[in-house]
Amino acid sequence: MESFYKTLKSEEVNFQEYLDLDDARQQIDHFIGELYNRERLHSSLGYVPPAEFAARCHSA
């Protein structure tokens, strides 16, 4: 979990200026849902995104 929060802060939060709390929630949700889970490669999962890893597990 600590690694995730470090990534969230270093790749999203530190580079954004949010208009308000709702905007922050939307932007962070987009980062997690689209970039982190669907595109970003994770070494602990064999260098595949979490969404792809989960799909492989469910189809096996």
C-alpha atoms as a PDB file:
ATOM      1  CA  MET A   1       0.000   0.000   0.000  1.00  0.00           C
ATOM      2  CA  GLU A   2       2.848   2.379   0.795  1.00  0.00           C
ATOM      3  CA  SER A   3       4.266   1.838  -2.685  1.00  0.00           C
ATOM      4  CA  PHE A   4       0.885   2.703  -4.216  1.00  0.00           C
ATOM      5  CA  TYR A   5       0.609   5.939  -2.233  1.00  0.00           C
ATOM      6  CA  LYS A   6       4.151   6.900  -3.210  1.00  0.00           C
ATOM      7  CA  THR A   7       3.269   6.339  -6.878  1.00  0.00           C
ATOM      8  CA  LEU A   8      -0.016   8.240  -6.560  1.00  0.00           C
ATOM      9  CA  LYS A   9       1.738  11.213  -4.988  1.00  0.00           C
ATOM     10  CA  SER A  10       4.756  11.245  -7.293  1.00  0.00           C
ATOM     11  CA  GLU A  11       2.897  10.635 -10.574  1.00  0.00           C
ATOM     12  CA  GLU A  12      -0.412  12.422  -9.996  1.00  0.00           C
ATOM     13  CA  VAL A  13      -0.938  14.577  -6.924  1.00  0.00           C
ATOM     14  CA  ASN A  14       2.353  16.491  -6.961  1.00  0.00           C
ATOM     15  CA  PHE A  15       1.835  17.586 -10.589  1.00  0.00           C
ATOM     16  CA  GLN A  16      -1.788  18.734 -10.365  1.00  0.00           C
ATOM     17  CA  GLU A  17      -3.605  21.797  -9.163  1.00  0.00           C
ATOM     18  CA  TYR A  18      -7.130  20.783  -8.265  1.00  0.00           C
ATOM     19  CA  LEU A  19      -9.990  23.267  -8.416  1.00  0.00           C
ATOM     20  CA  ASP A  20     -11.743  21.797  -5.393  1.00  0.00           C
ATOM     21  CA  LEU A  21     -12.236  18.515  -3.528  1.00  0.00           C
ATOM     22  CA  ASP A  22     -14.620  17.168  -6.177  1.00  0.00           C
ATOM     23  CA  ASP A  23     -12.102  17.881  -8.928  1.00  0.00           C
ATOM     24  CA  ALA A  24      -9.363  16.155  -6.910  1.00  0.00           C
ATOM     25  CA  ARG A  25     -11.547  13.080  -6.455  1.00  0.00           C
ATOM     26  CA  GLN A  26     -12.342  12.929 -10.169  1.00  0.00           C
ATOM     27  CA  GLN A  27      -8.738  13.353 -11.264  1.00  0.00           C
ATOM     28  CA  ILE A  28      -7.401  10.810  -8.767  1.00  0.00           C
ATOM     29  CA  ASP A  29     -10.159   8.353  -9.698  1.00  0.00           C
ATOM     30  CA  HIS A  30      -9.161   8.715 -13.354  1.00  0.00           C
ATOM     31  CA  PHE A  31      -5.490   8.155 -12.499  1.00  0.00           C
ATOM     32  CA  ILE A  32      -6.253   4.989 -10.544  1.00  0.00           C
ATOM     33  CA  GLY A  33      -8.919   3.588 -12.856  1.00  0.00           C
ATOM     34  CA  GLU A  34      -7.351   4.327 -16.206  1.00  0.00           C
ATOM     35  CA  LEU A  35      -3.628   4.892 -15.842  1.00  0.00           C
ATOM     36  CA  TYR A  36      -2.602   2.889 -12.788  1.00  0.00           C
ATOM     37  CA  ASN A  37      -4.836  -0.152 -13.288  1.00  0.00           C
ATOM     38  CA  ARG A  38      -4.956  -0.334 -17.094  1.00  0.00           C
ATOM     39  CA  GLU A  39      -1.655   1.034 -18.393  1.00  0.00           C
ATOM     40  CA  ARG A  40       1.049   1.114 -15.730  1.00  0.00           C
ATOM     41  CA  LEU A  41       3.192  -2.021 -15.624  1.00  0.00           C
ATOM     42  CA  HIS A  42       3.704  -3.644 -12.221  1.00  0.00           C
ATOM     43  CA  SER A  43       6.848  -5.640 -11.510  1.00  0.00           C
ATOM     44  CA  SER A  44       5.125  -7.776  -8.876  1.00  0.00           C
ATOM     45  CA  LEU A  45       2.607  -8.911 -11.522  1.00  0.00           C
ATOM     46  CA  GLY A  46       5.160  -9.903 -14.139  1.00  0.00           C
ATOM     47  CA  TYR A  47       5.257  -6.438 -15.728  1.00  0.00           C
ATOM     48  CA  VAL A  48       1.609  -6.348 -16.784  1.00  0.00           C
ATOM     49  CA  PRO A  49      -1.092  -3.892 -15.672  1.00  0.00           C
ATOM     50  CA  PRO A  50      -3.385  -5.049 -12.827  1.00  0.00           C
ATOM     51  CA  ALA A  51      -6.458  -5.155 -15.097  1.00  0.00           C
ATOM     52  CA  GLU A  52      -4.703  -7.494 -17.537  1.00  0.00           C
ATOM     53  CA  PHE A  53      -3.388  -9.662 -14.702  1.00  0.00           C
ATOM     54  CA  ALA A  54      -6.886  -9.991 -13.224  1.00  0.00           C
ATOM     55  CA  ALA A  55      -8.371 -10.857 -16.621  1.00  0.00           C
ATOM     56  CA  ARG A  56      -5.795 -13.606 -17.074  1.00  0.00           C
ATOM     57  CA  CYS A  57      -6.561 -15.036 -13.636  1.00  0.00           C
ATOM     58  CA  HIS A  58     -10.312 -15.079 -14.216  1.00  0.00           C
ATOM     59  CA  SER A  59     -10.023 -16.721 -17.637  1.00  0.00           C
ATOM     60  CA  ALA A  60      -7.743 -19.515 -16.408  1.00  0.00           C
END
